[in-house]
Amino acid sequence: DNQHGDDPLAHCLPHGVPRINTNGLFPFKIVQTRGL
């Protein structure tokens, strides 16, 4: 009803999980080491 006006992302606050993995417009990179 508020037209998503209080969406944190609309106020330059971070996505949460799992939402951060849903934006295909922005690439991401996975770096893998033995323990991390």
PDB file of all heavy atoms in Angstrom:
ATOM      1  N   ASP A   1       0.831  -1.211   0.000  1.00  0.00           N
ATOM      2  CA  ASP A   1       0.000   0.000   0.000  1.00  0.00           C
ATOM      3  C   ASP A   1       0.864   1.259   0.000  1.00  0.00           C
ATOM      4  O   ASP A   1       0.470   2.283  -0.550  1.00  0.00           O
ATOM      5  CB  ASP A   1      -0.933   0.011   1.211  1.00  0.00           C
ATOM      6  CG  ASP A   1      -2.004  -1.066   1.151  1.00  0.00           C
ATOM      7  OD1 ASP A   1      -2.208  -1.666   0.070  1.00  0.00           O
ATOM      8  OD2 ASP A   1      -2.622  -1.335   2.205  1.00  0.00           O
ATOM      9  N   ASN A   2       2.024   1.184   0.604  1.00  0.00           N
ATOM     10  CA  ASN A   2       2.960   2.314   0.660  1.00  0.00           C
ATOM     11  C   ASN A   2       3.848   2.376  -0.588  1.00  0.00           C
ATOM     12  O   ASN A   2       4.817   3.134  -0.628  1.00  0.00           O
ATOM     13  CB  ASN A   2       3.816   2.207   1.932  1.00  0.00           C
ATOM     14  CG  ASN A   2       4.560   3.479   2.240  1.00  0.00           C
ATOM     15  OD1 ASN A   2       4.055   4.576   2.028  1.00  0.00           O
ATOM     16  ND2 ASN A   2       5.777   3.347   2.715  1.00  0.00           N
ATOM     17  N   GLN A   3       3.520   1.573  -1.584  1.00  0.00           N
ATOM     18  CA  GLN A   3       4.249   1.535  -2.859  1.00  0.00           C
ATOM     19  C   GLN A   3       5.744   1.289  -2.665  1.00  0.00           C
ATOM     20  O   GLN A   3       6.580   1.874  -3.336  1.00  0.00           O
ATOM     21  CB  GLN A   3       4.010   2.824  -3.651  1.00  0.00           C
ATOM     22  CG  GLN A   3       2.566   3.053  -3.966  1.00  0.00           C
ATOM     23  CD  GLN A   3       2.324   4.390  -4.625  1.00  0.00           C
ATOM     24  OE1 GLN A   3       3.230   5.189  -4.863  1.00  0.00           O
ATOM     25  NE2 GLN A   3       1.072   4.661  -4.946  1.00  0.00           N
ATOM     26  N   HIS A   4       6.062   0.426  -1.706  1.00  0.00           N
ATOM     27  CA  HIS A   4       7.455   0.026  -1.430  1.00  0.00           C
ATOM     28  C   HIS A   4       8.328   1.209  -1.005  1.00  0.00           C
ATOM     29  O   HIS A   4       9.545   1.139  -1.085  1.00  0.00           O
ATOM     30  CB  HIS A   4       8.071  -0.676  -2.643  1.00  0.00           C
ATOM     31  CG  HIS A   4       7.307  -1.865  -3.099  1.00  0.00           C
ATOM     32  ND1 HIS A   4       7.736  -3.141  -2.901  1.00  0.00           N
ATOM     33  CD2 HIS A   4       6.115  -1.985  -3.736  1.00  0.00           C
ATOM     34  CE1 HIS A   4       6.856  -3.991  -3.396  1.00  0.00           C
ATOM     35  NE2 HIS A   4       5.860  -3.308  -3.906  1.00  0.00           N
ATOM     36  N   GLY A   5       7.712   2.280  -0.550  1.00  0.00           N
ATOM     37  CA  GLY A   5       8.459   3.483  -0.192  1.00  0.00           C
ATOM     38  C   GLY A   5       9.421   3.307   0.969  1.00  0.00           C
ATOM     39  O   GLY A   5      10.350   4.088   1.115  1.00  0.00           O
ATOM     40  N   ASP A   6       9.197   2.295   1.789  1.00  0.00           N
ATOM     41  CA  ASP A   6      10.099   2.065   2.918  1.00  0.00           C
ATOM     42  C   ASP A   6      11.021   0.874   2.684  1.00  0.00           C
ATOM     43  O   ASP A   6      11.630   0.356   3.617  1.00  0.00           O
ATOM     44  CB  ASP A   6       9.319   1.916   4.224  1.00  0.00           C
ATOM     45  CG  ASP A   6       8.229   0.865   4.158  1.00  0.00           C
ATOM     46  OD1 ASP A   6       7.926   0.383   3.050  1.00  0.00           O
ATOM     47  OD2 ASP A   6       7.680   0.512   5.209  1.00  0.00           O
ATOM     48  N   ASP A   7      11.144   0.458   1.438  1.00  0.00           N
ATOM     49  CA  ASP A   7      12.076  -0.606   1.078  1.00  0.00           C
ATOM     50  C   ASP A   7      13.491  -0.139   1.411  1.00  0.00           C
ATOM     51  O   ASP A   7      13.923   0.921   0.954  1.00  0.00           O
ATOM     52  CB  ASP A   7      11.959  -0.902  -0.415  1.00  0.00           C
ATOM     53  CG  ASP A   7      12.813  -2.065  -0.887  1.00  0.00           C
ATOM     54  OD1 ASP A   7      13.791  -2.422  -0.202  1.00  0.00           O
ATOM     55  OD2 ASP A   7      12.506  -2.604  -1.959  1.00  0.00           O
ATOM     56  N   PRO A   8      14.234  -0.887   2.220  1.00  0.00           N
ATOM     57  CA  PRO A   8      15.596  -0.459   2.563  1.00  0.00           C
ATOM     58  C   PRO A   8      16.456  -0.174   1.333  1.00  0.00           C
ATOM     59  O   PRO A   8      17.231   0.784   1.326  1.00  0.00           O
ATOM     60  CB  PRO A   8      16.153  -1.639   3.363  1.00  0.00           C
ATOM     61  CG  PRO A   8      14.943  -2.314   3.928  1.00  0.00           C
ATOM     62  CD  PRO A   8      13.873  -2.136   2.892  1.00  0.00           C
ATOM     63  N   LEU A   9      16.317  -0.981   0.303  1.00  0.00           N
ATOM     64  CA  LEU A   9      17.118  -0.791  -0.902  1.00  0.00           C
ATOM     65  C   LEU A   9      16.826   0.563  -1.563  1.00  0.00           C
ATOM     66  O   LEU A   9      17.720   1.209  -2.097  1.00  0.00           O
ATOM     67  CB  LEU A   9      16.864  -1.923  -1.893  1.00  0.00           C
ATOM     68  CG  LEU A   9      17.725  -1.936  -3.136  1.00  0.00           C
ATOM     69  CD1 LEU A   9      19.207  -1.986  -2.782  1.00  0.00           C
ATOM     70  CD2 LEU A   9      17.358  -3.113  -4.012  1.00  0.00           C
ATOM     71  N   ALA A  10      15.574   1.018  -1.476  1.00  0.00           N
ATOM     72  CA  ALA A  10      15.213   2.319  -2.043  1.00  0.00           C
ATOM     73  C   ALA A  10      15.872   3.466  -1.286  1.00  0.00           C
ATOM     74  O   ALA A  10      15.910   4.590  -1.777  1.00  0.00           O
ATOM     75  CB  ALA A  10      13.695   2.491  -2.031  1.00  0.00           C
ATOM     76  N   HIS A  11      16.391   3.180  -0.113  1.00  0.00           N
ATOM     77  CA  HIS A  11      17.067   4.184   0.705  1.00  0.00           C
ATOM     78  C   HIS A  11      18.564   3.893   0.822  1.00  0.00           C
ATOM     79  O   HIS A  11      19.210   4.311   1.786  1.00  0.00           O
ATOM     80  CB  HIS A  11      16.416   4.255   2.091  1.00  0.00           C
ATOM     81  CG  HIS A  11      14.979   4.658   2.020  1.00  0.00           C
ATOM     82  ND1 HIS A  11      14.582   5.975   1.916  1.00  0.00           N
ATOM     83  CD2 HIS A  11      13.845   3.922   1.951  1.00  0.00           C
ATOM     84  CE1 HIS A  11      13.271   6.025   1.825  1.00  0.00           C
ATOM     85  NE2 HIS A  11      12.799   4.795   1.841  1.00  0.00           N
ATOM     86  N   CYS A  12      19.069   3.180  -0.188  1.00  0.00           N
ATOM     87  CA  CYS A  12      20.501   2.863  -0.283  1.00  0.00           C
ATOM     88  C   CYS A  12      21.013   2.028   0.898  1.00  0.00           C
ATOM     89  O   CYS A  12      22.186   2.116   1.261  1.00  0.00           O
ATOM     90  CB  CYS A  12      21.338   4.128  -0.447  1.00  0.00           C
ATOM     91  SG  CYS A  12      20.991   4.960  -2.015  1.00  0.00           S
ATOM     92  N   LEU A  13      20.137   1.243   1.475  1.00  0.00           N
ATOM     93  CA  LEU A  13      20.553   0.300   2.506  1.00  0.00           C
ATOM     94  C   LEU A  13      20.706  -1.074   1.857  1.00  0.00           C
ATOM     95  O   LEU A  13      20.118  -1.337   0.813  1.00  0.00           O
ATOM     96  CB  LEU A  13      19.525   0.280   3.640  1.00  0.00           C
ATOM     97  CG  LEU A  13      19.435   1.590   4.420  1.00  0.00           C
ATOM     98  CD1 LEU A  13      18.226   1.584   5.348  1.00  0.00           C
ATOM     99  CD2 LEU A  13      20.722   1.840   5.186  1.00  0.00           C
ATOM    100  N   PRO A  14      21.466  -1.961   2.466  1.00  0.00           N
ATOM    101  CA  PRO A  14      21.785  -3.240   1.818  1.00  0.00           C
ATOM    102  C   PRO A  14      20.577  -4.138   1.584  1.00  0.00           C
ATOM    103  O   PRO A  14      19.590  -4.085   2.307  1.00  0.00           O
ATOM    104  CB  PRO A  14      22.740  -3.907   2.808  1.00  0.00           C
ATOM    105  CG  PRO A  14      23.297  -2.801   3.627  1.00  0.00           C
ATOM    106  CD  PRO A  14      22.209  -1.772   3.711  1.00  0.00           C
ATOM    107  N   HIS A  15      20.742  -4.978   0.571  1.00  0.00           N
ATOM    108  CA  HIS A  15      19.846  -6.117   0.392  1.00  0.00           C
ATOM    109  C   HIS A  15      20.073  -7.024   1.594  1.00  0.00           C
ATOM    110  O   HIS A  15      21.111  -6.974   2.225  1.00  0.00           O
ATOM    111  CB  HIS A  15      20.271  -6.961  -0.810  1.00  0.00           C
ATOM    112  CG  HIS A  15      20.069  -6.356  -2.133  1.00  0.00           C
ATOM    113  ND1 HIS A  15      20.905  -5.417  -2.662  1.00  0.00           N
ATOM    114  CD2 HIS A  15      19.142  -6.592  -3.068  1.00  0.00           C
ATOM    115  CE1 HIS A  15      20.497  -5.103  -3.870  1.00  0.00           C
ATOM    116  NE2 HIS A  15      19.429  -5.794  -4.132  1.00  0.00           N
ATOM    117  N   GLY A  16      19.164  -7.901   1.819  1.00  0.00           N
ATOM    118  CA  GLY A  16      19.402  -8.969   2.778  1.00  0.00           C
ATOM    119  C   GLY A  16      19.672 -10.250   2.025  1.00  0.00           C
ATOM    120  O   GLY A  16      19.808 -10.266   0.804  1.00  0.00           O
ATOM    121  N   VAL A  17      19.718 -11.326   2.752  1.00  0.00           N
ATOM    122  CA  VAL A  17      19.847 -12.661   2.163  1.00  0.00           C
ATOM    123  C   VAL A  17      18.463 -13.292   2.260  1.00  0.00           C
ATOM    124  O   VAL A  17      17.823 -13.195   3.306  1.00  0.00           O
ATOM    125  CB  VAL A  17      20.881 -13.480   2.963  1.00  0.00           C
ATOM    126  CG1 VAL A  17      20.934 -14.910   2.486  1.00  0.00           C
ATOM    127  CG2 VAL A  17      22.260 -12.831   2.861  1.00  0.00           C
ATOM    128  N   PRO A  18      17.939 -13.845   1.209  1.00  0.00           N
ATOM    129  CA  PRO A  18      18.555 -14.198  -0.062  1.00  0.00           C
ATOM    130  C   PRO A  18      18.373 -13.150  -1.160  1.00  0.00           C
ATOM    131  O   PRO A  18      18.823 -13.357  -2.275  1.00  0.00           O
ATOM    132  CB  PRO A  18      17.816 -15.474  -0.443  1.00  0.00           C
ATOM    133  CG  PRO A  18      16.425 -15.239   0.058  1.00  0.00           C
ATOM    134  CD  PRO A  18      16.611 -14.488   1.354  1.00  0.00           C
ATOM    135  N   ARG A  19      17.739 -12.035  -0.856  1.00  0.00           N
ATOM    136  CA  ARG A  19      17.422 -11.040  -1.882  1.00  0.00           C
ATOM    137  C   ARG A  19      18.648 -10.582  -2.662  1.00  0.00           C
ATOM    138  O   ARG A  19      18.566 -10.308  -3.857  1.00  0.00           O
ATOM    139  CB  ARG A  19      16.752  -9.839  -1.220  1.00  0.00           C
ATOM    140  CG  ARG A  19      16.263  -8.791  -2.183  1.00  0.00           C
ATOM    141  CD  ARG A  19      15.621  -7.641  -1.433  1.00  0.00           C
ATOM    142  NE  ARG A  19      15.061  -6.663  -2.335  1.00  0.00           N
ATOM    143  CZ  ARG A  19      14.619  -5.475  -1.934  1.00  0.00           C
ATOM    144  NH1 ARG A  19      14.668  -5.147  -0.650  1.00  0.00           N
ATOM    145  NH2 ARG A  19      14.128  -4.630  -2.805  1.00  0.00           N
ATOM    146  N   ILE A  20      19.791 -10.520  -2.011  1.00  0.00           N
ATOM    147  CA  ILE A  20      20.999 -10.030  -2.680  1.00  0.00           C
ATOM    148  C   ILE A  20      21.365 -10.891  -3.885  1.00  0.00           C
ATOM    149  O   ILE A  20      22.011 -10.426  -4.813  1.00  0.00           O
ATOM    150  CB  ILE A  20      22.172  -9.912  -1.691  1.00  0.00           C
ATOM    151  CG1 ILE A  20      23.284  -9.071  -2.319  1.00  0.00           C
ATOM    152  CG2 ILE A  20      22.648 -11.292  -1.233  1.00  0.00           C
ATOM    153  CD1 ILE A  20      24.265  -8.531  -1.332  1.00  0.00           C
ATOM    154  N   ASN A  21      20.899 -12.134  -3.887  1.00  0.00           N
ATOM    155  CA  ASN A  21      21.206 -13.043  -5.005  1.00  0.00           C
ATOM    156  C   ASN A  21      20.148 -13.013  -6.106  1.00  0.00           C
ATOM    157  O   ASN A  21      20.159 -13.875  -6.974  1.00  0.00           O
ATOM    158  CB  ASN A  21      21.342 -14.476  -4.489  1.00  0.00           C
ATOM    159  CG  ASN A  21      22.519 -14.633  -3.573  1.00  0.00           C
ATOM    160  OD1 ASN A  21      23.562 -14.026  -3.760  1.00  0.00           O
ATOM    161  ND2 ASN A  21      22.365 -15.453  -2.561  1.00  0.00           N
ATOM    162  N   THR A  22      19.253 -12.064  -6.075  1.00  0.00           N
ATOM    163  CA  THR A  22      18.168 -12.059  -7.066  1.00  0.00           C
ATOM    164  C   THR A  22      18.276 -10.965  -8.114  1.00  0.00           C
ATOM    165  O   THR A  22      17.456 -10.904  -9.012  1.00  0.00           O
ATOM    166  CB  THR A  22      16.799 -11.927  -6.365  1.00  0.00           C
ATOM    167  OG1 THR A  22      16.742 -10.675  -5.690  1.00  0.00           O
ATOM    168  CG2 THR A  22      16.552 -13.064  -5.402  1.00  0.00           C
ATOM    169  N   ASN A  23      19.251 -10.092  -7.999  1.00  0.00           N
ATOM    170  CA  ASN A  23      19.347  -8.978  -8.939  1.00  0.00           C
ATOM    171  C   ASN A  23      20.339  -9.319 -10.045  1.00  0.00           C
ATOM    172  O   ASN A  23      21.542  -9.168  -9.885  1.00  0.00           O
ATOM    173  CB  ASN A  23      19.765  -7.698  -8.215  1.00  0.00           C
ATOM    174  CG  ASN A  23      19.614  -6.488  -9.096  1.00  0.00           C
ATOM    175  OD1 ASN A  23      19.569  -6.599 -10.319  1.00  0.00           O
ATOM    176  ND2 ASN A  23      19.526  -5.327  -8.483  1.00  0.00           N
ATOM    177  N   GLY A  24      19.808  -9.761 -11.164  1.00  0.00           N
ATOM    178  CA  GLY A  24      20.639 -10.141 -12.293  1.00  0.00           C
ATOM    179  C   GLY A  24      21.283  -8.974 -13.017  1.00  0.00           C
ATOM    180  O   GLY A  24      22.103  -9.171 -13.910  1.00  0.00           O
ATOM    181  N   LEU A  25      20.926  -7.733 -12.657  1.00  0.00           N
ATOM    182  CA  LEU A  25      21.517  -6.567 -13.310  1.00  0.00           C
ATOM    183  C   LEU A  25      22.958  -6.332 -12.871  1.00  0.00           C
ATOM    184  O   LEU A  25      23.747  -5.752 -13.602  1.00  0.00           O
ATOM    185  CB  LEU A  25      20.694  -5.313 -13.014  1.00  0.00           C
ATOM    186  CG  LEU A  25      19.257  -5.320 -13.513  1.00  0.00           C
ATOM    187  CD1 LEU A  25      18.536  -4.065 -13.044  1.00  0.00           C
ATOM    188  CD2 LEU A  25      19.226  -5.433 -15.024  1.00  0.00           C
ATOM    189  N   PHE A  26      23.267  -6.748 -11.652  1.00  0.00           N
ATOM    190  CA  PHE A  26      24.586  -6.497 -11.094  1.00  0.00           C
ATOM    191  C   PHE A  26      25.329  -7.814 -10.917  1.00  0.00           C
ATOM    192  O   PHE A  26      24.835  -8.712 -10.245  1.00  0.00           O
ATOM    193  CB  PHE A  26      24.477  -5.778  -9.739  1.00  0.00           C
ATOM    194  CG  PHE A  26      23.866  -4.416  -9.851  1.00  0.00           C
ATOM    195  CD1 PHE A  26      22.511  -4.224  -9.628  1.00  0.00           C
ATOM    196  CD2 PHE A  26      24.645  -3.320 -10.194  1.00  0.00           C
ATOM    197  CE1 PHE A  26      21.945  -2.978  -9.728  1.00  0.00           C
ATOM    198  CE2 PHE A  26      24.084  -2.059 -10.299  1.00  0.00           C
ATOM    199  CZ  PHE A  26      22.731  -1.886 -10.071  1.00  0.00           C
ATOM    200  N   PRO A  27      26.516  -7.928 -11.484  1.00  0.00           N
ATOM    201  CA  PRO A  27      27.256  -9.179 -11.347  1.00  0.00           C
ATOM    202  C   PRO A  27      27.822  -9.355  -9.941  1.00  0.00           C
ATOM    203  O   PRO A  27      27.900  -8.413  -9.154  1.00  0.00           O
ATOM    204  CB  PRO A  27      28.391  -9.032 -12.365  1.00  0.00           C
ATOM    205  CG  PRO A  27      28.579  -7.566 -12.529  1.00  0.00           C
ATOM    206  CD  PRO A  27      27.223  -6.954 -12.297  1.00  0.00           C
ATOM    207  N   PHE A  28      28.188 -10.584  -9.643  1.00  0.00           N
ATOM    208  CA  PHE A  28      28.906 -10.872  -8.409  1.00  0.00           C
ATOM    209  C   PHE A  28      30.006 -11.865  -8.724  1.00  0.00           C
ATOM    210  O   PHE A  28      29.990 -12.529  -9.759  1.00  0.00           O
ATOM    211  CB  PHE A  28      27.980 -11.368  -7.290  1.00  0.00           C
ATOM    212  CG  PHE A  28      27.242 -12.646  -7.599  1.00  0.00           C
ATOM    213  CD1 PHE A  28      27.791 -13.883  -7.301  1.00  0.00           C
ATOM    214  CD2 PHE A  28      25.970 -12.598  -8.147  1.00  0.00           C
ATOM    215  CE1 PHE A  28      27.104 -15.052  -7.566  1.00  0.00           C
ATOM    216  CE2 PHE A  28      25.268 -13.762  -8.424  1.00  0.00           C
ATOM    217  CZ  PHE A  28      25.834 -14.994  -8.133  1.00  0.00           C
ATOM    218  N   LYS A  29      30.967 -11.928  -7.845  1.00  0.00           N
ATOM    219  CA  LYS A  29      32.117 -12.798  -8.052  1.00  0.00           C
ATOM    220  C   LYS A  29      32.280 -13.671  -6.818  1.00  0.00           C
ATOM    221  O   LYS A  29      32.175 -13.184  -5.688  1.00  0.00           O
ATOM    222  CB  LYS A  29      33.371 -11.959  -8.259  1.00  0.00           C
ATOM    223  CG  LYS A  29      34.614 -12.752  -8.622  1.00  0.00           C
ATOM    224  CD  LYS A  29      35.790 -11.824  -8.892  1.00  0.00           C
ATOM    225  CE  LYS A  29      35.582 -11.174 -10.253  1.00  0.00           C
ATOM    226  NZ  LYS A  29      36.768 -10.464 -10.751  1.00  0.00           N
ATOM    227  N   ILE A  30      32.523 -14.958  -7.035  1.00  0.00           N
ATOM    228  CA  ILE A  30      32.747 -15.900  -5.949  1.00  0.00           C
ATOM    229  C   ILE A  30      34.226 -16.258  -5.940  1.00  0.00           C
ATOM    230  O   ILE A  30      34.771 -16.696  -6.947  1.00  0.00           O
ATOM    231  CB  ILE A  30      31.883 -17.158  -6.115  1.00  0.00           C
ATOM    232  CG1 ILE A  30      30.397 -16.772  -6.096  1.00  0.00           C
ATOM    233  CG2 ILE A  30      32.195 -18.183  -5.014  1.00  0.00           C
ATOM    234  CD1 ILE A  30      29.441 -17.916  -6.399  1.00  0.00           C
ATOM    235  N   VAL A  31      34.866 -16.038  -4.784  1.00  0.00           N
ATOM    236  CA  VAL A  31      36.283 -16.355  -4.610  1.00  0.00           C
ATOM    237  C   VAL A  31      36.362 -17.467  -3.571  1.00  0.00           C
ATOM    238  O   VAL A  31      35.843 -17.318  -2.461  1.00  0.00           O
ATOM    239  CB  VAL A  31      37.069 -15.111  -4.129  1.00  0.00           C
ATOM    240  CG1 VAL A  31      38.538 -15.446  -3.943  1.00  0.00           C
ATOM    241  CG2 VAL A  31      36.880 -13.950  -5.094  1.00  0.00           C
ATOM    242  N   GLN A  32      37.009 -18.567  -3.947  1.00  0.00           N
ATOM    243  CA  GLN A  32      37.048 -19.723  -3.069  1.00  0.00           C
ATOM    244  C   GLN A  32      38.478 -20.038  -2.631  1.00  0.00           C
ATOM    245  O   GLN A  32      39.383 -20.110  -3.453  1.00  0.00           O
ATOM    246  CB  GLN A  32      36.467 -20.931  -3.802  1.00  0.00           C
ATOM    247  CG  GLN A  32      36.452 -22.203  -2.997  1.00  0.00           C
ATOM    248  CD  GLN A  32      35.870 -23.363  -3.778  1.00  0.00           C
ATOM    249  OE1 GLN A  32      35.202 -23.186  -4.785  1.00  0.00           O
ATOM    250  NE2 GLN A  32      36.131 -24.568  -3.304  1.00  0.00           N
ATOM    251  N   THR A  33      38.657 -20.215  -1.324  1.00  0.00           N
ATOM    252  CA  THR A  33      39.913 -20.709  -0.769  1.00  0.00           C
ATOM    253  C   THR A  33      39.578 -21.960   0.040  1.00  0.00           C
ATOM    254  O   THR A  33      38.411 -22.351   0.149  1.00  0.00           O
ATOM    255  CB  THR A  33      40.599 -19.658   0.129  1.00  0.00           C
ATOM    256  OG1 THR A  33      39.804 -19.461   1.291  1.00  0.00           O
ATOM    257  CG2 THR A  33      40.778 -18.329  -0.591  1.00  0.00           C
ATOM    258  N   ARG A  34      40.577 -22.553   0.643  1.00  0.00           N
ATOM    259  CA  ARG A  34      40.337 -23.795   1.393  1.00  0.00           C
ATOM    260  C   ARG A  34      39.331 -23.609   2.530  1.00  0.00           C
ATOM    261  O   ARG A  34      38.445 -24.423   2.722  1.00  0.00           O
ATOM    262  CB  ARG A  34      41.644 -24.331   1.947  1.00  0.00           C
ATOM    263  CG  ARG A  34      41.499 -25.623   2.733  1.00  0.00           C
ATOM    264  CD  ARG A  34      42.813 -26.113   3.254  1.00  0.00           C
ATOM    265  NE  ARG A  34      43.778 -26.348   2.201  1.00  0.00           N
ATOM    266  CZ  ARG A  34      43.982 -27.514   1.612  1.00  0.00           C
ATOM    267  NH1 ARG A  34      43.299 -28.557   2.001  1.00  0.00           N
ATOM    268  NH2 ARG A  34      44.872 -27.636   0.651  1.00  0.00           N
ATOM    269  N   GLY A  35      39.450 -22.555   3.292  1.00  0.00           N
ATOM    270  CA  GLY A  35      38.605 -22.383   4.465  1.00  0.00           C
ATOM    271  C   GLY A  35      37.581 -21.275   4.378  1.00  0.00           C
ATOM    272  O   GLY A  35      36.885 -21.001   5.350  1.00  0.00           O
ATOM    273  N   LEU A  36      37.483 -20.631   3.207  1.00  0.00           N
ATOM    274  CA  LEU A  36      36.612 -19.467   3.101  1.00  0.00           C
ATOM    275  C   LEU A  36      36.139 -19.277   1.660  1.00  0.00           C
ATOM    276  O   LEU A  36      36.918 -19.414   0.718  1.00  0.00           O
ATOM    277  CB  LEU A  36      37.395 -18.212   3.547  1.00  0.00           C
ATOM    278  CG  LEU A  36      36.680 -16.883   3.561  1.00  0.00           C
ATOM    279  CD1 LEU A  36      35.615 -16.846   4.657  1.00  0.00           C
ATOM    280  CD2 LEU A  36      37.690 -15.751   3.780  1.00  0.00           C
TER     281      LEU A  36
END
